[in-house]
Amino acid sequence: MDLTLPLEAEELIPHRLPMRLVDRLVDIDDKNGTIEADIRADCPLVDASGVLDDIALTELIAQAYAMIKGYNDLLDAAPVRQGFLVGIKKLTRQASANSGDTLRIAIRTIAEFDDLAIARGEIWRADECLAEGEIKVWIN
């Protein structure tokens, strides 16, 4: 498989539309990376006024982290593993995302212990940080 960036999300994670919120892995440096997400008006987490529900911010970080794990699995010639979100810590939102936005999610892996990982994510629209927080994921 060609792992040249940018790489489409469906190559790296099991999520499919309409619940796939991330679109492209655009940068990776070992266990850290940057993912882009195009917020679509038909996303089930976008309300009638075009605002993305705040709960989607956690899912954006989780799916972005999953893309980094998927990329590294493929790089190691291993099957892409599943992950399960088991915790959220200190998620803060400074502004809402809207349909039509292209967001960048910056992921930094903080720690890995056997099958448990902790990652920090920041969600950006251009040069405005919309949200940031930590997730805990169990990798199966």
Foldseek 3Di string as FASTA:
>chain_A
DDLDPFDFLVQFDVDDPPPDFWTTFHADDQQKGKTKGQAAQPRPQADPVFWGHPVVVVVVQVSVSSRSQSSVCVVVVHHRWDKDWDDWFDKDFDAIDGHRFMKMKIKDWDDDDPQKTKIKIWIDGVPDTGIITMTIMGTD
